[in-house]
Amino acid sequence: MVVRCRNCHAVDSEAQRDVGADLTHRTDRTLLEVVEAGLRSLAAFFEALAAHFCEWAGWLRAVIDALDGWNPGWRQLPGVVI
């Protein structure tokens, strides 16, 4: 379970629908149908997570580039190079 605000929940639900996840709460669904919907829902979640990771990596690259321009010696600080 992931706690989301109402707007983010709506975006996430739409992404689940886009990948074909059946979000209904019918009592006649089989276990296989529930597992299928769960897998599709997870796929939508991981796609969104991957997009966020790429965005965060871009921000980190911008910080690295700014540090290189501002103080190139930062790369020689203890613990920076692994």
Protein backbone atom coordinates (compact mmCIF):
# COMPACT_ATOMS: atom_id res chain seq x y z
CA MET A 1 0.00 0.00 0.00
CA VAL A 2 1.21 3.49 -0.84
CA VAL A 3 -0.27 6.58 0.83
CA ARG A 4 -1.10 9.23 -1.80
CA CYS A 5 -2.96 12.53 -1.90
CA ARG A 6 -6.24 12.55 -3.81
CA ASN A 7 -4.70 14.02 -6.99
CA CYS A 8 -1.74 11.61 -7.04
CA HIS A 9 -4.11 8.71 -6.35
CA ALA A 10 -6.15 9.71 -9.40
CA VAL A 11 -3.01 9.85 -11.57
CA ASP A 12 -1.88 6.44 -10.27
CA SER A 13 -5.31 4.90 -10.84
CA GLU A 14 -5.36 6.19 -14.42
CA ALA A 15 -1.90 4.68 -15.02
CA GLN A 16 -3.19 1.36 -13.69
CA ARG A 17 -6.15 1.51 -16.05
CA ASP A 18 -3.80 2.38 -18.92
CA VAL A 19 -1.91 -0.90 -18.44
CA GLY A 20 -5.18 -2.86 -18.25
CA ALA A 21 -5.43 -3.44 -14.50
CA ASP A 22 -8.98 -4.31 -13.47
CA LEU A 23 -9.57 -2.07 -10.45
CA THR A 24 -13.12 -3.20 -9.74
CA HIS A 25 -14.05 -4.82 -6.44
CA ARG A 26 -16.22 -7.61 -7.77
CA THR A 27 -16.81 -10.67 -5.59
CA ASP A 28 -16.84 -13.02 -8.59
CA ARG A 29 -13.17 -12.46 -9.54
CA THR A 30 -10.90 -15.46 -9.47
CA LEU A 31 -7.54 -15.53 -7.75
CA LEU A 32 -5.85 -15.53 -11.16
CA GLU A 33 -7.70 -12.35 -12.14
CA VAL A 34 -6.74 -10.65 -8.88
CA VAL A 35 -3.07 -11.62 -9.36
CA GLU A 36 -3.15 -10.38 -12.96
CA ALA A 37 -4.55 -7.02 -11.82
CA GLY A 38 -1.92 -6.84 -9.09
CA LEU A 39 0.90 -7.49 -11.54
CA ARG A 40 -0.42 -4.86 -13.94
CA SER A 41 -0.77 -2.38 -11.06
CA LEU A 42 2.81 -3.06 -9.97
CA ALA A 43 4.00 -2.55 -13.53
CA ALA A 44 2.38 0.91 -13.59
CA PHE A 45 3.92 1.71 -10.19
CA PHE A 46 7.41 0.64 -11.27
CA GLU A 47 7.13 2.63 -14.50
CA ALA A 48 6.32 5.75 -12.46
CA LEU A 49 9.12 4.96 -10.01
CA ALA A 50 11.62 4.55 -12.87
CA ALA A 51 10.57 7.93 -14.27
CA HIS A 52 11.17 9.52 -10.86
CA PHE A 53 14.60 7.85 -10.60
CA CYS A 54 15.57 9.32 -13.98
CA GLU A 55 14.34 12.75 -12.89
CA TRP A 56 16.32 12.56 -9.62
CA ALA A 57 19.43 11.40 -11.49
CA GLY A 58 19.06 14.45 -13.75
CA TRP A 59 18.91 16.74 -10.73
CA LEU A 60 22.01 15.07 -9.29
CA ARG A 61 23.84 15.53 -12.60
CA ALA A 62 22.97 19.25 -12.49
CA VAL A 63 24.45 19.48 -8.98
CA ILE A 64 27.62 17.66 -10.10
CA ASP A 65 27.99 19.98 -13.09
CA ALA A 66 27.46 23.04 -10.85
CA LEU A 67 30.08 21.78 -8.39
CA ASP A 68 32.54 21.21 -11.24
CA GLY A 69 32.02 24.79 -12.41
CA TRP A 70 32.09 26.34 -8.95
CA ASN A 71 34.85 24.30 -7.29
CA PRO A 72 36.46 21.54 -9.40
CA GLY A 73 38.54 20.51 -6.38
CA TRP A 74 35.46 19.03 -4.71
CA ARG A 75 36.26 15.71 -6.40
CA GLN A 76 39.45 15.39 -4.29
CA LEU A 77 37.64 15.76 -0.96
CA PRO A 78 37.86 12.73 1.36
CA GLY A 79 35.11 10.22 0.78
CA VAL A 80 34.01 11.63 -2.58
CA VAL A 81 35.85 9.17 -4.82
CA ILE A 82 34.94 5.56 -4.13
